[in-house]
Amino acid sequence: MTLRIFNLLLLAATLSASDLSAQGNEQEAWLKKAQLGPFAPKIQDWEAIKSAAKNEGKVVIYSVSSRIFKLQKDFKQKFGVEIEAHDIASDTQLEKFRREHRAGLYNVDVLFNNESPLLLNEFLPKKLVWNFVPDSVVAFLDRDEMEPFLVQRWSSRIVMFNAARNPSPPINNLWDLTRKEWKGKVLIPNPIEASVMANAFQTILQHPDAMAEAYKQAFGQPVTFSERLTRLTKKNVALAPADAAKEWLYRLMQNTIFMESTDKIYQSIGDVKQQNPPIGINTFSKIRDNKPGVYDARPAFNVKPAFGVTYPTVLLIADRAKNPNAAKLLIRYMMEEGFEPWNEPGDYAARSDVVKKQVAKFSIPPFDELKLWKVDPNHVYDSRLSFVELFLGLR
């Protein structure tokens, strides 16, 4: 049993019925005042929201992106509301928020987060967060971008190569990353340290048939399984059966250097001065830092069977937020003109009208035409422990 699960069980065991009732009453009173959840009005009164937000004076956000700081000046000038921003990785910010909430410390108003498996399976069911969709953006979003939570943009982990030394991608198949010539030259974020990369690997592992077909295309014969994988899946039946996706992961690990910093991975791949650059899997939007004569890292769009994994970056209001109106205002702003810091190649807006402009501006393929596998948050949540066992067992 993990420490996280143990803590949750311990908390439930120590709360009396009266404690739970009191908490329920406090939460209901807050929801009524904040006009969220079952008390959300059918028509949003934005003049009233703006007035109340100005009286609240500030909004606190835990953000997965440091670009949040670019909004502070303009938001304060426009609405008279200060943004208190904290740049925190998604899994870390959720654990921080959970501990604070458990202690009755309601320190945050908005969560800007890409850890959808935990949000969907723990935080939403336990009513620790509340979804809020500004009515001004409803016409531009698909249903799955409004429920169960509001998607601001689609982020991705993709195959990235050095375009200064390679006019075209040096690989066209995920299995190419396992070839001998890439030994020690495949850079990837460490999935044990970065949950987003773990989610990406788990998503690839969800497609064994596609990976088997890709192997045939790469090597002209059916995939065979390594002794290491065969032995591991026989020893641990929870990891069985052996399949092409698991074999790919094992072979990939023989070539990979796992790193903690996505910035360092981008720089190592994109540095134009090197003669024999590495390749890797990294955050798509890092290509925004490309600079002539310095860095030139680009996505390998045509890699089979997919060149990456995509996942939503979402906005939610924290339960018992002290500044709920300022939270609503900030969320709307980040979906509208405040989206500008993320209006970069590799960050595909959820809004259909914005993404059309991105395709034209950056000369990139439409999002729905990319060969990206979407993260299944339920699958990732349910298979997280087995993935860690598989990864450590193969390593």
Protein backbone atom coordinates (compact mmCIF):
# COMPACT_ATOMS: atom_id res chain seq x y z
CA MET A 1 0.00 0.00 0.00
CA THR A 2 1.37 3.40 -0.94
CA LEU A 3 1.82 6.14 1.65
CA ARG A 4 -0.72 8.28 -0.21
CA ILE A 5 -3.43 5.61 0.00
CA PHE A 6 -2.60 4.89 3.65
CA ASN A 7 -2.97 8.57 4.55
CA LEU A 8 -6.38 8.74 2.89
CA LEU A 9 -7.62 5.65 4.75
CA LEU A 10 -6.29 7.00 8.04
CA LEU A 11 -8.06 10.30 7.49
CA ALA A 12 -11.38 8.58 6.79
CA ALA A 13 -11.04 6.42 9.91
CA THR A 14 -10.42 9.37 12.22
CA LEU A 15 -13.31 11.54 11.05
CA SER A 16 -16.45 11.15 13.13
CA ALA A 17 -19.95 11.40 11.68
CA SER A 18 -20.37 14.84 13.26
CA ASP A 19 -17.08 15.97 11.72
CA LEU A 20 -18.22 14.86 8.28
CA SER A 21 -21.60 16.53 8.74
CA ALA A 22 -19.99 19.80 9.80
CA GLN A 23 -17.64 19.70 6.83
CA GLY A 24 -20.58 19.02 4.53
CA ASN A 25 -22.49 22.00 5.90
CA GLU A 26 -19.46 24.29 5.55
CA GLN A 27 -18.91 23.15 1.99
CA GLU A 28 -22.55 23.65 1.04
CA ALA A 29 -22.52 27.17 2.48
CA TRP A 30 -19.36 27.96 0.51
CA LEU A 31 -20.85 26.54 -2.71
CA LYS A 32 -23.96 28.68 -2.32
CA LYS A 33 -21.94 31.81 -1.76
CA ALA A 34 -19.50 30.99 -4.57
CA GLN A 35 -22.32 29.90 -6.89
CA LEU A 36 -20.56 26.73 -7.92
CA GLY A 37 -21.51 23.07 -8.28
CA PRO A 38 -25.24 22.53 -7.77
CA PHE A 39 -25.71 26.24 -7.06
CA ALA A 40 -24.21 27.50 -10.30
CA PRO A 41 -26.68 29.86 -12.05
CA LYS A 42 -27.85 29.11 -15.58
CA ILE A 43 -26.82 32.59 -16.68
CA GLN A 44 -23.44 33.95 -15.55
CA ASP A 45 -23.57 37.59 -14.40
CA TRP A 46 -20.10 38.80 -15.34
CA GLU A 47 -20.55 42.33 -14.12
CA ALA A 48 -21.37 40.99 -10.67
CA ILE A 49 -18.46 38.53 -10.85
CA LYS A 50 -16.01 41.31 -11.82
CA SER A 51 -17.25 43.55 -9.00
CA ALA A 52 -16.96 40.76 -6.43
CA ALA A 53 -13.52 39.78 -7.74
CA LYS A 54 -12.28 43.34 -7.33
CA ASN A 55 -13.50 43.33 -3.74
CA GLU A 56 -11.67 40.04 -3.12
CA GLY A 57 -8.55 41.76 -4.42
CA LYS A 58 -6.44 38.77 -5.40
CA VAL A 59 -6.49 35.24 -6.79
CA VAL A 60 -4.05 32.48 -5.86
CA ILE A 61 -3.11 29.94 -8.52
CA TYR A 62 -0.96 26.82 -8.41
CA SER A 63 0.32 26.61 -11.98
CA VAL A 64 2.06 23.84 -13.90
CA SER A 65 3.46 26.52 -16.21
CA SER A 66 5.85 29.33 -15.31
CA ARG A 67 4.26 31.38 -18.09
CA ILE A 68 1.52 32.27 -15.62
CA PHE A 69 3.72 35.11 -14.36
CA LYS A 70 3.33 36.87 -17.71
CA LEU A 71 -0.32 37.56 -16.88
CA GLN A 72 0.15 39.34 -13.59
CA LYS A 73 0.69 42.92 -14.79
CA ASP A 74 -2.08 43.08 -17.39
CA PHE A 75 -4.62 41.26 -15.21
CA LYS A 76 -4.02 43.69 -12.35
CA GLN A 77 -4.33 46.71 -14.66
CA LYS A 78 -7.49 45.45 -16.31
CA PHE A 79 -9.44 44.12 -13.32
CA GLY A 80 -7.74 45.54 -10.23
CA VAL A 81 -7.05 42.00 -9.02
CA GLU A 82 -3.61 40.67 -8.12
CA ILE A 83 -2.48 37.23 -9.31
CA GLU A 84 -0.47 35.40 -6.66
CA ALA A 85 1.11 32.64 -8.74
CA HIS A 86 3.06 29.58 -7.67
CA ASP A 87 4.89 27.53 -10.32
CA ILE A 88 4.50 23.93 -9.15
CA ALA A 89 4.59 20.63 -11.06
CA SER A 90 1.17 19.02 -11.39
CA ASP A 91 1.64 16.01 -9.11
CA THR A 92 3.44 18.12 -6.50
CA GLN A 93 0.80 20.82 -6.49
CA LEU A 94 -1.98 18.27 -6.03
CA GLU A 95 -0.24 16.71 -3.04
CA LYS A 96 0.41 20.17 -1.58
CA PHE A 97 -3.22 21.17 -2.09
CA ARG A 98 -4.53 17.92 -0.63
CA ARG A 99 -2.47 18.29 2.55
CA GLU A 100 -3.47 21.94 2.96
CA HIS A 101 -7.16 21.19 2.43
CA ARG A 102 -7.02 18.30 4.89
CA ALA A 103 -5.59 20.71 7.49
CA GLY A 104 -8.32 23.28 6.82
CA LEU A 105 -5.88 25.63 5.07
CA TYR A 106 -7.65 26.97 1.98
CA ASN A 107 -4.66 28.67 0.43
CA VAL A 108 -5.36 28.32 -3.29
CA ASP A 109 -8.17 29.40 -5.60
CA VAL A 110 -7.26 27.95 -9.01
CA LEU A 111 -5.41 24.80 -10.04
CA PHE A 112 -3.74 24.88 -13.47
CA ASN A 113 -2.80 21.24 -13.87
CA ASN A 114 -2.18 18.39 -16.32
CA GLU A 115 -2.45 15.42 -13.96
CA SER A 116 -5.89 14.38 -15.29
CA PRO A 117 -5.76 10.78 -13.95
CA LEU A 118 -5.55 11.97 -10.33
CA LEU A 119 -8.00 14.81 -10.86
CA LEU A 120 -10.62 12.55 -12.41
CA ASN A 121 -10.27 9.61 -10.03
CA GLU A 122 -9.53 11.31 -6.71
CA PHE A 123 -10.06 15.06 -6.59
CA LEU A 124 -13.34 15.40 -8.47
CA PRO A 125 -15.10 12.45 -6.74
CA LYS A 126 -14.01 13.73 -3.33
CA LYS A 127 -15.27 17.23 -4.21
CA LEU A 128 -11.87 18.78 -3.62
CA VAL A 129 -12.13 20.74 -6.87
CA TRP A 130 -14.99 22.25 -8.86
CA ASN A 131 -15.36 22.64 -12.58
CA PHE A 132 -16.22 26.06 -13.98
CA VAL A 133 -16.79 26.80 -17.67
CA PRO A 134 -17.18 30.47 -18.67
CA ASP A 135 -20.22 30.79 -20.91
CA SER A 136 -18.23 32.97 -23.31
CA VAL A 137 -16.15 30.00 -24.52
CA VAL A 138 -18.76 27.22 -24.62
CA ALA A 139 -19.39 27.58 -28.37
CA PHE A 140 -15.71 26.91 -29.15
CA LEU A 141 -15.17 23.76 -27.07
CA ASP A 142 -16.00 20.09 -27.55
CA ARG A 143 -17.96 18.40 -24.78
CA ASP A 144 -14.89 16.52 -23.53
CA GLU A 145 -13.13 19.88 -23.19
CA MET A 146 -15.83 21.13 -20.79
CA GLU A 147 -16.61 17.95 -18.87
CA PRO A 148 -15.45 16.62 -16.48
CA PHE A 149 -13.13 19.65 -16.39
CA LEU A 150 -12.30 22.70 -18.47
CA VAL A 151 -9.42 22.14 -20.89
CA GLN A 152 -7.33 25.20 -21.68
CA ARG A 153 -4.93 23.53 -24.08
CA TRP A 154 -3.59 20.18 -25.27
CA SER A 155 0.01 19.51 -24.30
CA SER A 156 2.10 16.63 -25.66
CA ARG A 157 5.23 14.56 -25.28
CA ILE A 158 6.64 13.92 -28.75
CA VAL A 159 9.68 12.64 -30.64
CA MET A 160 12.03 15.58 -31.18
CA PHE A 161 15.15 15.81 -33.37
CA ASN A 162 17.88 18.29 -34.34
CA ALA A 163 16.83 19.87 -37.64
CA ALA A 164 20.12 21.74 -38.15
CA ARG A 165 21.97 18.43 -38.68
CA ASN A 166 19.02 16.51 -40.11
CA PRO A 167 17.00 18.19 -42.90
CA SER A 168 14.39 15.47 -42.36
CA PRO A 169 13.68 13.34 -39.26
CA PRO A 170 16.37 10.67 -38.78
CA ILE A 171 13.72 8.12 -37.74
CA ASN A 172 10.22 7.24 -38.96
CA ASN A 173 9.21 4.56 -36.46
CA LEU A 174 9.21 4.41 -32.66
CA TRP A 175 11.16 1.17 -32.93
CA ASP A 176 14.01 3.09 -34.58
CA LEU A 177 14.74 4.52 -31.14
CA THR A 178 15.81 1.00 -30.11
CA ARG A 179 18.42 0.57 -32.90
CA LYS A 180 22.12 0.28 -32.02
CA GLU A 181 23.05 3.61 -33.60
CA TRP A 182 21.00 5.43 -30.94
CA LYS A 183 22.66 3.71 -27.99
CA GLY A 184 23.07 6.34 -25.26
CA LYS A 185 21.61 9.03 -27.52
CA VAL A 186 17.89 8.89 -26.69
CA LEU A 187 17.00 11.54 -24.10
CA ILE A 188 13.73 11.20 -22.18
CA PRO A 189 12.33 12.69 -18.94
CA ASN A 190 12.56 10.23 -16.07
CA PRO A 191 9.06 8.72 -15.63
CA ILE A 192 9.77 7.95 -11.97
CA GLU A 193 10.40 11.64 -11.34
CA ALA A 194 7.87 13.10 -13.81
CA SER A 195 4.34 11.71 -13.76
CA VAL A 196 3.54 13.20 -17.18
CA MET A 197 6.20 11.03 -18.80
CA ALA A 198 4.92 8.01 -16.89
CA ASN A 199 1.45 8.79 -18.26
CA ALA A 200 2.91 8.95 -21.77
CA PHE A 201 4.62 5.57 -21.42
CA GLN A 202 1.45 4.02 -19.98
CA THR A 203 -0.47 5.31 -22.98
CA ILE A 204 2.00 3.75 -25.43
CA LEU A 205 1.76 0.49 -23.46
CA GLN A 206 -1.99 0.61 -24.08
CA HIS A 207 -1.36 0.01 -27.82
CA PRO A 208 0.45 -3.36 -28.10
CA ASP A 209 -1.17 -4.30 -31.44
CA ALA A 210 -0.12 -1.03 -33.08
CA MET A 211 3.40 -1.47 -31.72
CA ALA A 212 3.52 -5.03 -33.05
CA GLU A 213 2.53 -3.84 -36.52
CA ALA A 214 5.09 -1.03 -36.32
CA TYR A 215 7.77 -3.62 -35.52
CA LYS A 216 6.92 -5.56 -38.67
CA GLN A 217 7.17 -2.36 -40.69
CA ALA A 218 10.55 -1.53 -39.17
CA PHE A 219 12.20 -4.98 -39.25
CA GLY A 220 10.15 -7.04 -41.70
CA GLN A 221 9.23 -9.79 -39.26
CA PRO A 222 7.08 -10.40 -36.16
CA VAL A 223 8.39 -9.13 -32.85
CA THR A 224 10.24 -11.53 -30.59
CA PHE A 225 10.42 -11.07 -26.84
CA SER A 226 13.60 -10.63 -24.85
CA GLU A 227 14.53 -13.06 -22.12
CA ARG A 228 14.29 -10.22 -19.58
CA LEU A 229 10.67 -9.41 -20.45
CA THR A 230 9.65 -13.06 -20.67
CA ARG A 231 11.15 -13.84 -17.27
CA LEU A 232 9.60 -10.76 -15.64
CA THR A 233 6.06 -11.43 -16.94
CA LYS A 234 6.27 -15.08 -15.86
CA LYS A 235 7.49 -14.12 -12.40
CA ASN A 236 4.88 -11.39 -11.92
CA VAL A 237 1.56 -12.44 -13.42
CA ALA A 238 0.18 -8.93 -12.83
CA LEU A 239 2.55 -7.72 -15.56
CA ALA A 240 1.62 -10.47 -18.03
CA PRO A 241 1.36 -11.06 -20.87
CA ALA A 242 4.49 -10.07 -22.72
CA ASP A 243 3.58 -7.93 -25.72
CA ALA A 244 5.15 -5.67 -28.34
CA ALA A 245 4.65 -2.43 -26.40
CA LYS A 246 6.39 -3.83 -23.32
CA GLU A 247 9.20 -5.18 -25.47
CA TRP A 248 9.60 -1.75 -27.06
CA LEU A 249 9.89 -0.18 -23.60
CA TYR A 250 12.56 -2.68 -22.59
CA ARG A 251 14.63 -2.16 -25.73
CA LEU A 252 14.20 1.60 -25.54
CA MET A 253 15.56 1.62 -22.00
CA GLN A 254 18.80 0.07 -23.27
CA ASN A 255 19.40 3.19 -25.37
CA THR A 256 17.95 5.88 -23.15
CA ILE A 257 19.49 8.47 -20.86
CA PHE A 258 16.76 9.54 -18.45
CA MET A 259 16.93 13.17 -17.38
CA GLU A 260 14.91 15.31 -14.95
CA SER A 261 14.95 18.61 -16.88
CA THR A 262 12.89 18.99 -20.07
CA ASP A 263 14.81 22.24 -20.71
CA LYS A 264 18.14 20.40 -20.69
CA ILE A 265 16.74 17.70 -22.96
CA TYR A 266 15.55 20.33 -25.42
CA GLN A 267 18.90 22.13 -25.38
CA SER A 268 20.85 18.89 -25.75
CA ILE A 269 18.80 17.87 -28.78
CA GLY A 270 18.48 21.28 -30.41
CA ASP A 271 22.02 22.70 -30.04
CA VAL A 272 22.98 23.49 -33.65
CA LYS A 273 26.75 23.47 -33.00
CA GLN A 274 27.02 19.76 -32.27
CA GLN A 275 27.97 17.32 -35.02
CA ASN A 276 26.20 14.18 -33.85
CA PRO A 277 23.12 15.27 -31.87
CA PRO A 278 20.91 13.00 -29.79
CA ILE A 279 17.21 12.47 -30.31
CA GLY A 280 14.50 12.19 -27.67
CA ILE A 281 10.98 12.44 -26.35
CA ASN A 282 10.17 15.78 -24.80
CA THR A 283 7.53 18.46 -24.31
CA PHE A 284 6.20 19.60 -27.69
CA SER A 285 5.98 23.28 -26.75
CA LYS A 286 9.73 23.50 -26.00
CA ILE A 287 10.22 24.26 -29.70
CA ARG A 288 9.04 27.78 -28.85
CA ASP A 289 12.61 28.37 -27.67
CA ASN A 290 14.14 27.68 -31.08
CA LYS A 291 16.59 30.44 -32.02
CA PRO A 292 18.49 30.75 -35.31
CA GLY A 293 22.12 29.79 -34.87
CA VAL A 294 21.53 28.45 -31.35
CA TYR A 295 18.73 25.85 -31.09
CA ASP A 296 16.70 24.06 -33.75
CA ALA A 297 14.68 21.16 -32.33
CA ARG A 298 11.61 20.01 -34.22
CA PRO A 299 8.87 17.38 -33.99
CA ALA A 300 9.17 14.21 -36.07
CA PHE A 301 5.58 14.36 -37.30
CA ASN A 302 5.64 11.20 -39.45
CA VAL A 303 6.87 8.67 -36.90
CA LYS A 304 4.78 5.47 -36.82
CA PRO A 305 2.53 4.36 -35.22
CA ALA A 306 2.39 7.69 -33.33
CA PHE A 307 4.96 10.38 -32.75
CA GLY A 308 3.75 11.16 -29.25
CA VAL A 309 1.10 11.30 -26.57
CA THR A 310 -1.20 14.22 -25.83
CA TYR A 311 -2.92 15.19 -22.59
CA PRO A 312 -5.11 18.07 -21.38
CA THR A 313 -3.95 20.98 -19.27
CA VAL A 314 -6.99 22.03 -17.26
CA LEU A 315 -8.32 24.80 -15.02
CA LEU A 316 -10.30 24.07 -11.84
CA ILE A 317 -11.48 26.00 -8.80
CA ALA A 318 -10.23 24.67 -5.47
CA ASP A 319 -12.80 23.68 -2.89
CA ARG A 320 -13.37 26.39 -0.27
CA ALA A 321 -11.36 28.91 -2.34
CA LYS A 322 -11.22 32.24 -0.53
CA ASN A 323 -11.52 34.22 -3.76
CA PRO A 324 -14.00 32.29 -5.95
CA ASN A 325 -15.07 35.25 -8.07
CA ALA A 326 -11.48 36.22 -8.81
CA ALA A 327 -10.92 32.55 -9.66
CA LYS A 328 -13.76 32.63 -12.20
CA LEU A 329 -12.43 35.83 -13.69
CA LEU A 330 -8.90 34.46 -14.02
CA ILE A 331 -10.16 31.24 -15.62
CA ARG A 332 -12.13 33.21 -18.21
CA TYR A 333 -9.13 35.45 -18.86
CA MET A 334 -6.83 32.44 -19.39
CA MET A 335 -9.30 31.04 -21.91
CA GLU A 336 -9.53 34.35 -23.78
CA GLU A 337 -6.91 37.09 -24.19
CA GLY A 338 -4.87 35.68 -21.32
CA PHE A 339 -4.13 32.60 -23.44
CA GLU A 340 -1.40 34.56 -25.23
CA PRO A 341 1.59 33.19 -23.23
CA TRP A 342 0.58 29.71 -24.38
CA ASN A 343 -0.11 30.74 -27.95
CA GLU A 344 3.01 28.93 -29.14
CA PRO A 345 3.71 26.04 -31.52
CA GLY A 346 3.18 22.79 -29.65
CA ASP A 347 0.51 24.17 -27.31
CA TYR A 348 -2.75 23.53 -29.14
CA ALA A 349 -5.60 25.61 -27.76
CA ALA A 350 -8.76 23.78 -26.78
CA ARG A 351 -10.78 26.60 -28.36
CA SER A 352 -11.52 25.75 -31.99
CA ASP A 353 -11.35 29.38 -33.14
CA VAL A 354 -7.92 29.89 -31.56
CA VAL A 355 -6.42 26.64 -32.84
CA LYS A 356 -7.36 27.54 -36.43
CA LYS A 357 -5.32 30.72 -36.08
CA GLN A 358 -2.41 28.75 -34.57
CA VAL A 359 -2.32 26.36 -37.53
CA ALA A 360 -2.08 29.29 -39.93
CA LYS A 361 0.34 31.36 -37.85
CA PHE A 362 2.83 28.60 -37.05
CA SER A 363 2.41 26.51 -40.24
CA ILE A 364 1.69 23.38 -38.19
CA PRO A 365 -0.73 20.51 -38.91
CA PRO A 366 -4.24 20.75 -37.43
CA PHE A 367 -4.39 19.09 -34.04
CA ASP A 368 -6.96 16.47 -35.10
CA GLU A 369 -4.66 15.38 -37.97
CA LEU A 370 -1.64 14.66 -35.78
CA LYS A 371 -0.68 11.06 -35.02
CA LEU A 372 -0.94 11.53 -31.26
CA TRP A 373 -2.39 9.07 -28.77
CA LYS A 374 -4.56 10.70 -26.11
CA VAL A 375 -4.02 9.83 -22.48
CA ASP A 376 -6.84 7.71 -21.05
CA PRO A 377 -6.97 9.02 -17.45
CA ASN A 378 -8.81 5.97 -16.10
CA HIS A 379 -6.35 3.53 -17.65
CA VAL A 380 -3.37 5.54 -16.42
CA TYR A 381 -4.78 5.77 -12.91
CA ASP A 382 -5.60 2.06 -12.71
CA SER A 383 -2.27 0.90 -14.17
CA ARG A 384 0.12 3.30 -12.46
CA LEU A 385 1.43 0.83 -9.87
CA SER A 386 1.90 -1.95 -12.42
CA PHE A 387 3.76 0.44 -14.71
CA VAL A 388 6.22 1.32 -11.96
CA GLU A 389 6.74 -2.40 -11.30
CA LEU A 390 7.28 -3.03 -15.02
CA PHE A 391 9.63 -0.11 -15.46
CA LEU A 392 11.77 -1.00 -12.45
CA GLY A 393 11.70 -4.70 -13.35
CA LEU A 394 12.93 -4.05 -16.89
CA ARG A 395 15.52 -1.53 -15.76
